[in-house]
Amino acid sequence: MVPGYGRQRPNDWGLGFEVRDHKDPHWTGRRNSAETFGHFGQSGTFLWVDPVAGLACVALTDKDFDKWAVRAWPAFTDAVLAETGRG
């Protein structure tokens, strides 16, 4: 179970980080590679690393995780990858 995104099969994890794999929907963007890994928390923050794109992204907020993040994070992530020409 990925909070805010529901049950995912498979739901891969590795050493404390979630592995994106081919989960859809997902809190990272659609442009992230399947090798992307990261974590997010109740405090509304996230970290992802996309080794294929050669990028990492961190968002720090003071707003608790909720539906706003489900909408905003994937769009933000896709914009980061598009702006850098990766993903």
PDB file of N, CA and C in Angstrom:
ATOM      1  N   MET A   1       0.848  -1.174   0.000  1.00  0.00           N
ATOM      2  CA  MET A   1       0.000   0.000   0.000  1.00  0.00           C
ATOM      3  C   MET A   1       0.898   1.242   0.000  1.00  0.00           C
ATOM      4  N   VAL A   2       0.651   2.147  -0.925  1.00  0.00           N
ATOM      5  CA  VAL A   2       1.348   3.431  -0.948  1.00  0.00           C
ATOM      6  C   VAL A   2       0.329   4.482  -0.494  1.00  0.00           C
ATOM      7  N   PRO A   3       0.539   5.103   0.669  1.00  0.00           N
ATOM      8  CA  PRO A   3      -0.433   6.065   1.192  1.00  0.00           C
ATOM      9  C   PRO A   3      -0.788   7.138   0.169  1.00  0.00           C
ATOM     10  N   GLY A   4      -2.085   7.345  -0.024  1.00  0.00           N
ATOM     11  CA  GLY A   4      -2.566   8.342  -0.968  1.00  0.00           C
ATOM     12  C   GLY A   4      -2.674   7.828  -2.392  1.00  0.00           C
ATOM     13  N   TYR A   5      -2.061   6.665  -2.671  1.00  0.00           N
ATOM     14  CA  TYR A   5      -2.038   6.124  -4.028  1.00  0.00           C
ATOM     15  C   TYR A   5      -2.613   4.721  -4.113  1.00  0.00           C
ATOM     16  N   GLY A   6      -2.893   4.113  -2.979  1.00  0.00           N
ATOM     17  CA  GLY A   6      -3.552   2.819  -2.959  1.00  0.00           C
ATOM     18  C   GLY A   6      -2.621   1.632  -3.085  1.00  0.00           C
ATOM     19  N   ARG A   7      -3.243   0.486  -3.297  1.00  0.00           N
ATOM     20  CA  ARG A   7      -2.522  -0.774  -3.408  1.00  0.00           C
ATOM     21  C   ARG A   7      -1.786  -0.842  -4.743  1.00  0.00           C
ATOM     22  N   GLN A   8      -0.539  -1.252  -4.684  1.00  0.00           N
ATOM     23  CA  GLN A   8       0.293  -1.379  -5.883  1.00  0.00           C
ATOM     24  C   GLN A   8       0.840  -2.802  -5.944  1.00  0.00           C
ATOM     25  N   ARG A   9       0.801  -3.404  -7.104  1.00  0.00           N
ATOM     26  CA  ARG A   9       1.359  -4.751  -7.294  1.00  0.00           C
ATOM     27  C   ARG A   9       2.200  -4.751  -8.544  1.00  0.00           C
ATOM     28  N   PRO A  10       3.487  -5.037  -8.472  1.00  0.00           N
ATOM     29  CA  PRO A  10       4.229  -5.266  -7.233  1.00  0.00           C
ATOM     30  C   PRO A  10       4.468  -3.945  -6.514  1.00  0.00           C
ATOM     31  N   ASN A  11       4.815  -4.036  -5.251  1.00  0.00           N
ATOM     32  CA  ASN A  11       5.101  -2.852  -4.446  1.00  0.00           C
ATOM     33  C   ASN A  11       6.513  -2.992  -3.894  1.00  0.00           C
ATOM     34  N   ASP A  12       7.487  -2.777  -4.779  1.00  0.00           N
ATOM     35  CA  ASP A  12       8.891  -3.018  -4.456  1.00  0.00           C
ATOM     36  C   ASP A  12       9.455  -1.975  -3.502  1.00  0.00           C
ATOM     37  N   TRP A  13      10.264  -2.457  -2.562  1.00  0.00           N
ATOM     38  CA  TRP A  13      10.994  -1.614  -1.622  1.00  0.00           C
ATOM     39  C   TRP A  13      12.413  -2.126  -1.548  1.00  0.00           C
ATOM     40  N   GLY A  14      13.343  -1.248  -1.225  1.00  0.00           N
ATOM     41  CA  GLY A  14      14.724  -1.660  -1.064  1.00  0.00           C
ATOM     42  C   GLY A  14      15.410  -0.847   0.018  1.00  0.00           C
ATOM     43  N   LEU A  15      15.911  -1.471   1.029  1.00  0.00           N
ATOM     44  CA  LEU A  15      16.672  -0.842   2.114  1.00  0.00           C
ATOM     45  C   LEU A  15      16.060   0.471   2.606  1.00  0.00           C
ATOM     46  N   GLY A  16      14.769   0.482   2.850  1.00  0.00           N
ATOM     47  CA  GLY A  16      14.099   1.655   3.403  1.00  0.00           C
ATOM     48  C   GLY A  16      13.493   2.591   2.384  1.00  0.00           C
ATOM     49  N   PHE A  17      13.907   2.486   1.140  1.00  0.00           N
ATOM     50  CA  PHE A  17      13.346   3.336   0.094  1.00  0.00           C
ATOM     51  C   PHE A  17      12.361   2.555  -0.768  1.00  0.00           C
ATOM     52  N   GLU A  18      11.349   3.242  -1.229  1.00  0.00           N
ATOM     53  CA  GLU A  18      10.416   2.638  -2.174  1.00  0.00           C
ATOM     54  C   GLU A  18      11.041   2.696  -3.562  1.00  0.00           C
ATOM     55  N   VAL A  19      10.899   1.622  -4.311  1.00  0.00           N
ATOM     56  CA  VAL A  19      11.366   1.570  -5.692  1.00  0.00           C
ATOM     57  C   VAL A  19      10.158   1.828  -6.591  1.00  0.00           C
ATOM     58  N   ARG A  20      10.274   2.807  -7.495  1.00  0.00           N
ATOM     59  CA  ARG A  20       9.132   3.184  -8.336  1.00  0.00           C
ATOM     60  C   ARG A  20       8.651   2.028  -9.201  1.00  0.00           C
ATOM     61  N   ASP A  21       9.569   1.345  -9.862  1.00  0.00           N
ATOM     62  CA  ASP A  21       9.231   0.266 -10.774  1.00  0.00           C
ATOM     63  C   ASP A  21       8.191   0.783 -11.777  1.00  0.00           C
ATOM     64  N   HIS A  22       7.100   0.068 -11.992  1.00  0.00           N
ATOM     65  CA  HIS A  22       6.084   0.486 -12.974  1.00  0.00           C
ATOM     66  C   HIS A  22       4.755   0.825 -12.309  1.00  0.00           C
ATOM     67  N   LYS A  23       4.806   1.296 -11.074  1.00  0.00           N
ATOM     68  CA  LYS A  23       3.582   1.642 -10.338  1.00  0.00           C
ATOM     69  C   LYS A  23       2.898   2.840 -10.995  1.00  0.00           C
ATOM     70  N   ASP A  24       1.589   2.756 -11.061  1.00  0.00           N
ATOM     71  CA  ASP A  24       0.802   3.825 -11.654  1.00  0.00           C
ATOM     72  C   ASP A  24      -0.600   3.787 -11.055  1.00  0.00           C
ATOM     73  N   PRO A  25      -1.022   4.845 -10.374  1.00  0.00           N
ATOM     74  CA  PRO A  25      -0.362   6.137 -10.217  1.00  0.00           C
ATOM     75  C   PRO A  25       0.780   6.047  -9.204  1.00  0.00           C
ATOM     76  N   HIS A  26       1.613   7.077  -9.209  1.00  0.00           N
ATOM     77  CA  HIS A  26       2.739   7.116  -8.289  1.00  0.00           C
ATOM     78  C   HIS A  26       3.045   8.554  -7.916  1.00  0.00           C
ATOM     79  N   TRP A  27       3.658   8.726  -6.749  1.00  0.00           N
ATOM     80  CA  TRP A  27       3.947  10.080  -6.254  1.00  0.00           C
ATOM     81  C   TRP A  27       5.085  10.754  -7.005  1.00  0.00           C
ATOM     82  N   THR A  28       5.944   9.979  -7.684  1.00  0.00           N
ATOM     83  CA  THR A  28       6.898  10.596  -8.596  1.00  0.00           C
ATOM     84  C   THR A  28       6.173  10.818  -9.916  1.00  0.00           C
ATOM     85  N   GLY A  29       6.795  11.456 -10.852  1.00  0.00           N
ATOM     86  CA  GLY A  29       6.126  11.759 -12.112  1.00  0.00           C
ATOM     87  C   GLY A  29       6.139  10.608 -13.095  1.00  0.00           C
ATOM     88  N   ARG A  30       5.421  10.778 -14.160  1.00  0.00           N
ATOM     89  CA  ARG A  30       5.377   9.768 -15.221  1.00  0.00           C
ATOM     90  C   ARG A  30       6.689   9.702 -15.994  1.00  0.00           C
ATOM     91  N   ARG A  31       7.496  10.751 -15.900  1.00  0.00           N
ATOM     92  CA  ARG A  31       8.770  10.792 -16.615  1.00  0.00           C
ATOM     93  C   ARG A  31       9.891  10.066 -15.877  1.00  0.00           C
ATOM     94  N   ASN A  32       9.693   9.742 -14.602  1.00  0.00           N
ATOM     95  CA  ASN A  32      10.732   9.039 -13.851  1.00  0.00           C
ATOM     96  C   ASN A  32      10.916   7.623 -14.368  1.00  0.00           C
ATOM     97  N   SER A  33      12.164   7.169 -14.332  1.00  0.00           N
ATOM     98  CA  SER A  33      12.459   5.795 -14.752  1.00  0.00           C
ATOM     99  C   SER A  33      11.979   4.805 -13.694  1.00  0.00           C
ATOM    100  N   ALA A  34      11.854   3.553 -14.088  1.00  0.00           N
ATOM    101  CA  ALA A  34      11.456   2.485 -13.168  1.00  0.00           C
ATOM    102  C   ALA A  34      12.498   2.283 -12.068  1.00  0.00           C
ATOM    103  N   GLU A  35      13.722   2.726 -12.297  1.00  0.00           N
ATOM    104  CA  GLU A  35      14.798   2.576 -11.308  1.00  0.00           C
ATOM    105  C   GLU A  35      14.771   3.662 -10.236  1.00  0.00           C
ATOM    106  N   THR A  36      13.879   4.631 -10.353  1.00  0.00           N
ATOM    107  CA  THR A  36      13.770   5.699  -9.365  1.00  0.00           C
ATOM    108  C   THR A  36      13.442   5.114  -7.993  1.00  0.00           C
ATOM    109  N   PHE A  37      14.080   5.663  -6.980  1.00  0.00           N
ATOM    110  CA  PHE A  37      13.766   5.240  -5.612  1.00  0.00           C
ATOM    111  C   PHE A  37      13.674   6.473  -4.734  1.00  0.00           C
ATOM    112  N   GLY A  38      12.939   6.356  -3.641  1.00  0.00           N
ATOM    113  CA  GLY A  38      12.788   7.493  -2.746  1.00  0.00           C
ATOM    114  C   GLY A  38      11.860   7.199  -1.603  1.00  0.00           C
ATOM    115  N   HIS A  39      11.463   8.276  -0.938  1.00  0.00           N
ATOM    116  CA  HIS A  39      10.599   8.149   0.229  1.00  0.00           C
ATOM    117  C   HIS A  39       9.879   9.469   0.446  1.00  0.00           C
ATOM    118  N   PHE A  40       8.680   9.406   0.998  1.00  0.00           N
ATOM    119  CA  PHE A  40       7.992  10.619   1.405  1.00  0.00           C
ATOM    120  C   PHE A  40       7.391  10.402   2.773  1.00  0.00           C
ATOM    121  N   GLY A  41       7.054  11.513   3.427  1.00  0.00           N
ATOM    122  CA  GLY A  41       6.564  11.399   4.790  1.00  0.00           C
ATOM    123  C   GLY A  41       5.328  12.215   5.057  1.00  0.00           C
ATOM    124  N   GLN A  42       4.793  12.013   6.227  1.00  0.00           N
ATOM    125  CA  GLN A  42       3.577  12.688   6.675  1.00  0.00           C
ATOM    126  C   GLN A  42       3.762  14.197   6.748  1.00  0.00           C
ATOM    127  N   SER A  43       5.011  14.638   6.859  1.00  0.00           N
ATOM    128  CA  SER A  43       5.270  16.080   6.971  1.00  0.00           C
ATOM    129  C   SER A  43       5.212  16.793   5.626  1.00  0.00           C
ATOM    130  N   GLY A  44       4.901  16.069   4.549  1.00  0.00           N
ATOM    131  CA  GLY A  44       4.767  16.701   3.240  1.00  0.00           C
ATOM    132  C   GLY A  44       6.078  16.871   2.509  1.00  0.00           C
ATOM    133  N   THR A  45       7.099  16.126   2.908  1.00  0.00           N
ATOM    134  CA  THR A  45       8.400  16.196   2.252  1.00  0.00           C
ATOM    135  C   THR A  45       8.648  14.940   1.418  1.00  0.00           C
ATOM    136  N   PHE A  46       9.523  15.048   0.441  1.00  0.00           N
ATOM    137  CA  PHE A  46       9.912  13.859  -0.304  1.00  0.00           C
ATOM    138  C   PHE A  46      11.336  13.969  -0.790  1.00  0.00           C
ATOM    139  N   LEU A  47      11.881  12.812  -1.133  1.00  0.00           N
ATOM    140  CA  LEU A  47      13.177  12.690  -1.776  1.00  0.00           C
ATOM    141  C   LEU A  47      13.049  11.587  -2.812  1.00  0.00           C
ATOM    142  N   TRP A  48      13.473  11.854  -4.038  1.00  0.00           N
ATOM    143  CA  TRP A  48      13.608  10.786  -5.022  1.00  0.00           C
ATOM    144  C   TRP A  48      14.948  10.918  -5.715  1.00  0.00           C
ATOM    145  N   VAL A  49      15.464   9.784  -6.164  1.00  0.00           N
ATOM    146  CA  VAL A  49      16.697   9.708  -6.932  1.00  0.00           C
ATOM    147  C   VAL A  49      16.389   8.897  -8.174  1.00  0.00           C
ATOM    148  N   ASP A  50      16.670   9.463  -9.352  1.00  0.00           N
ATOM    149  CA  ASP A  50      16.475   8.757 -10.610  1.00  0.00           C
ATOM    150  C   ASP A  50      17.857   8.529 -11.218  1.00  0.00           C
ATOM    151  N   PRO A  51      18.418   7.318 -11.028  1.00  0.00           N
ATOM    152  CA  PRO A  51      19.771   7.066 -11.527  1.00  0.00           C
ATOM    153  C   PRO A  51      19.873   7.109 -13.049  1.00  0.00           C
ATOM    154  N   VAL A  52      18.803   6.814 -13.760  1.00  0.00           N
ATOM    155  CA  VAL A  52      18.822   6.856 -15.224  1.00  0.00           C
ATOM    156  C   VAL A  52      18.932   8.307 -15.700  1.00  0.00           C
ATOM    157  N   ALA A  53      18.169   9.199 -15.082  1.00  0.00           N
ATOM    158  CA  ALA A  53      18.213  10.620 -15.438  1.00  0.00           C
ATOM    159  C   ALA A  53      19.429  11.322 -14.830  1.00  0.00           C
ATOM    160  N   GLY A  54      20.036  10.713 -13.823  1.00  0.00           N
ATOM    161  CA  GLY A  54      21.163  11.344 -13.158  1.00  0.00           C
ATOM    162  C   GLY A  54      20.750  12.526 -12.297  1.00  0.00           C
ATOM    163  N   LEU A  55      19.541  12.452 -11.737  1.00  0.00           N
ATOM    164  CA  LEU A  55      18.999  13.548 -10.933  1.00  0.00           C
ATOM    165  C   LEU A  55      18.450  13.047  -9.605  1.00  0.00           C
ATOM    166  N   ALA A  56      18.438  13.945  -8.649  1.00  0.00           N
ATOM    167  CA  ALA A  56      17.757  13.728  -7.379  1.00  0.00           C
ATOM    168  C   ALA A  56      16.938  14.975  -7.086  1.00  0.00           C
ATOM    169  N   CYS A  57      15.864  14.820  -6.356  1.00  0.00           N
ATOM    170  CA  CYS A  57      15.000  15.950  -6.040  1.00  0.00           C
ATOM    171  C   CYS A  57      14.510  15.810  -4.602  1.00  0.00           C
ATOM    172  N   VAL A  58      14.520  16.919  -3.883  1.00  0.00           N
ATOM    173  CA  VAL A  58      14.034  16.978  -2.509  1.00  0.00           C
ATOM    174  C   VAL A  58      13.036  18.115  -2.419  1.00  0.00           C
ATOM    175  N   ALA A  59      11.933  17.876  -1.754  1.00  0.00           N
ATOM    176  CA  ALA A  59      10.967  18.934  -1.451  1.00  0.00           C
ATOM    177  C   ALA A  59      10.737  18.940   0.050  1.00  0.00           C
ATOM    178  N   LEU A  60      10.913  20.100   0.648  1.00  0.00           N
ATOM    179  CA  LEU A  60      10.685  20.265   2.086  1.00  0.00           C
ATOM    180  C   LEU A  60       9.520  21.227   2.261  1.00  0.00           C
ATOM    181  N   THR A  61       8.529  20.810   3.020  1.00  0.00           N
ATOM    182  CA  THR A  61       7.348  21.647   3.237  1.00  0.00           C
ATOM    183  C   THR A  61       6.990  21.660   4.719  1.00  0.00           C
ATOM    184  N   ASP A  62       6.077  22.529   5.064  1.00  0.00           N
ATOM    185  CA  ASP A  62       5.535  22.542   6.418  1.00  0.00           C
ATOM    186  C   ASP A  62       4.029  22.241   6.379  1.00  0.00           C
ATOM    187  N   LYS A  63       3.618  21.602   5.300  1.00  0.00           N
ATOM    188  CA  LYS A  63       2.207  21.273   5.104  1.00  0.00           C
ATOM    189  C   LYS A  63       2.067  19.755   5.091  1.00  0.00           C
ATOM    190  N   ASP A  64       1.249  19.213   5.994  1.00  0.00           N
ATOM    191  CA  ASP A  64       1.093  17.766   6.091  1.00  0.00           C
ATOM    192  C   ASP A  64       0.678  17.142   4.765  1.00  0.00           C
ATOM    193  N   PHE A  65       1.182  15.925   4.532  1.00  0.00           N
ATOM    194  CA  PHE A  65       0.811  15.168   3.336  1.00  0.00           C
ATOM    195  C   PHE A  65      -0.700  15.012   3.288  1.00  0.00           C
ATOM    196  N   ASP A  66      -1.270  15.263   2.121  1.00  0.00           N
ATOM    197  CA  ASP A  66      -2.711  15.116   1.900  1.00  0.00           C
ATOM    198  C   ASP A  66      -2.952  15.133   0.392  1.00  0.00           C
ATOM    199  N   LYS A  67      -4.182  15.331  -0.016  1.00  0.00           N
ATOM    200  CA  LYS A  67      -4.543  15.302  -1.435  1.00  0.00           C
ATOM    201  C   LYS A  67      -3.780  16.343  -2.249  1.00  0.00           C
ATOM    202  N   TRP A  68      -3.386  17.465  -1.627  1.00  0.00           N
ATOM    203  CA  TRP A  68      -2.616  18.467  -2.357  1.00  0.00           C
ATOM    204  C   TRP A  68      -1.331  17.861  -2.903  1.00  0.00           C
ATOM    205  N   ALA A  69      -0.681  17.007  -2.111  1.00  0.00           N
ATOM    206  CA  ALA A  69       0.584  16.398  -2.533  1.00  0.00           C
ATOM    207  C   ALA A  69       0.364  15.378  -3.642  1.00  0.00           C
ATOM    208  N   VAL A  70      -0.723  14.634  -3.561  1.00  0.00           N
ATOM    209  CA  VAL A  70      -1.045  13.648  -4.593  1.00  0.00           C
ATOM    210  C   VAL A  70      -1.181  14.338  -5.949  1.00  0.00           C
ATOM    211  N   ARG A  71      -1.721  15.544  -5.964  1.00  0.00           N
ATOM    212  CA  ARG A  71      -1.860  16.315  -7.203  1.00  0.00           C
ATOM    213  C   ARG A  71      -0.560  17.020  -7.596  1.00  0.00           C
ATOM    214  N   ALA A  72       0.105  17.622  -6.627  1.00  0.00           N
ATOM    215  CA  ALA A  72       1.238  18.502  -6.926  1.00  0.00           C
ATOM    216  C   ALA A  72       2.547  17.773  -7.208  1.00  0.00           C
ATOM    217  N   TRP A  73       2.869  16.747  -6.458  1.00  0.00           N
ATOM    218  CA  TRP A  73       4.180  16.115  -6.582  1.00  0.00           C
ATOM    219  C   TRP A  73       4.471  15.536  -7.957  1.00  0.00           C
ATOM    220  N   PRO A  74       3.565  14.736  -8.547  1.00  0.00           N
ATOM    221  CA  PRO A  74       3.880  14.206  -9.885  1.00  0.00           C
ATOM    222  C   PRO A  74       4.055  15.308 -10.931  1.00  0.00           C
ATOM    223  N   ALA A  75       3.224  16.332 -10.875  1.00  0.00           N
ATOM    224  CA  ALA A  75       3.341  17.437 -11.840  1.00  0.00           C
ATOM    225  C   ALA A  75       4.662  18.180 -11.638  1.00  0.00           C
ATOM    226  N   PHE A  76       5.040  18.427 -10.392  1.00  0.00           N
ATOM    227  CA  PHE A  76       6.303  19.086 -10.092  1.00  0.00           C
ATOM    228  C   PHE A  76       7.479  18.251 -10.596  1.00  0.00           C
ATOM    229  N   THR A  77       7.434  16.969 -10.307  1.00  0.00           N
ATOM    230  CA  THR A  77       8.505  16.062 -10.726  1.00  0.00           C
ATOM    231  C   THR A  77       8.631  16.020 -12.245  1.00  0.00           C
ATOM    232  N   ASP A  78       7.519  15.908 -12.949  1.00  0.00           N
ATOM    233  CA  ASP A  78       7.564  15.910 -14.414  1.00  0.00           C
ATOM    234  C   ASP A  78       8.147  17.218 -14.941  1.00  0.00           C
ATOM    235  N   ALA A  79       7.813  18.338 -14.291  1.00  0.00           N
ATOM    236  CA  ALA A  79       8.350  19.641 -14.708  1.00  0.00           C
ATOM    237  C   ALA A  79       9.860  19.718 -14.487  1.00  0.00           C
ATOM    238  N   VAL A  80      10.343  19.160 -13.376  1.00  0.00           N
ATOM    239  CA  VAL A  80      11.787  19.138 -13.110  1.00  0.00           C
ATOM    240  C   VAL A  80      12.505  18.346 -14.199  1.00  0.00           C
ATOM    241  N   LEU A  81      11.988  17.161 -14.518  1.00  0.00           N
ATOM    242  CA  LEU A  81      12.624  16.327 -15.533  1.00  0.00           C
ATOM    243  C   LEU A  81      12.537  16.972 -16.913  1.00  0.00           C
ATOM    244  N   ALA A  82      11.423  17.611 -17.234  1.00  0.00           N
ATOM    245  CA  ALA A  82      11.277  18.276 -18.530  1.00  0.00           C
ATOM    246  C   ALA A  82      12.236  19.470 -18.632  1.00  0.00           C
ATOM    247  N   GLU A  83      12.332  20.255 -17.573  1.00  0.00           N
ATOM    248  CA  GLU A  83      13.193  21.440 -17.579  1.00  0.00           C
ATOM    249  C   GLU A  83      14.669  21.062 -17.753  1.00  0.00           C
ATOM    250  N   THR A  84      15.050  19.930 -17.197  1.00  0.00           N
ATOM    251  CA  THR A  84      16.452  19.508 -17.304  1.00  0.00           C
ATOM    252  C   THR A  84      16.722  18.697 -18.566  1.00  0.00           C
ATOM    253  N   GLY A  85      15.656  18.384 -19.308  1.00  0.00           N
ATOM    254  CA  GLY A  85      15.814  17.602 -20.543  1.00  0.00           C
ATOM    255  C   GLY A  85      16.082  16.138 -20.300  1.00  0.00           C
ATOM    256  N   ARG A  86      15.699  15.660 -19.121  1.00  0.00           N
ATOM    257  CA  ARG A  86      15.902  14.255 -18.767  1.00  0.00           C
ATOM    258  C   ARG A  86      14.582  13.623 -18.402  1.00  0.00           C
ATOM    259  N   GLY A  87      14.522  12.353 -18.600  1.00  0.00           N
ATOM    260  CA  GLY A  87      13.314  11.629 -18.212  1.00  0.00           C
ATOM    261  C   GLY A  87      12.229  11.661 -19.251  1.00  0.00           C
TER     262      GLY A  87
END
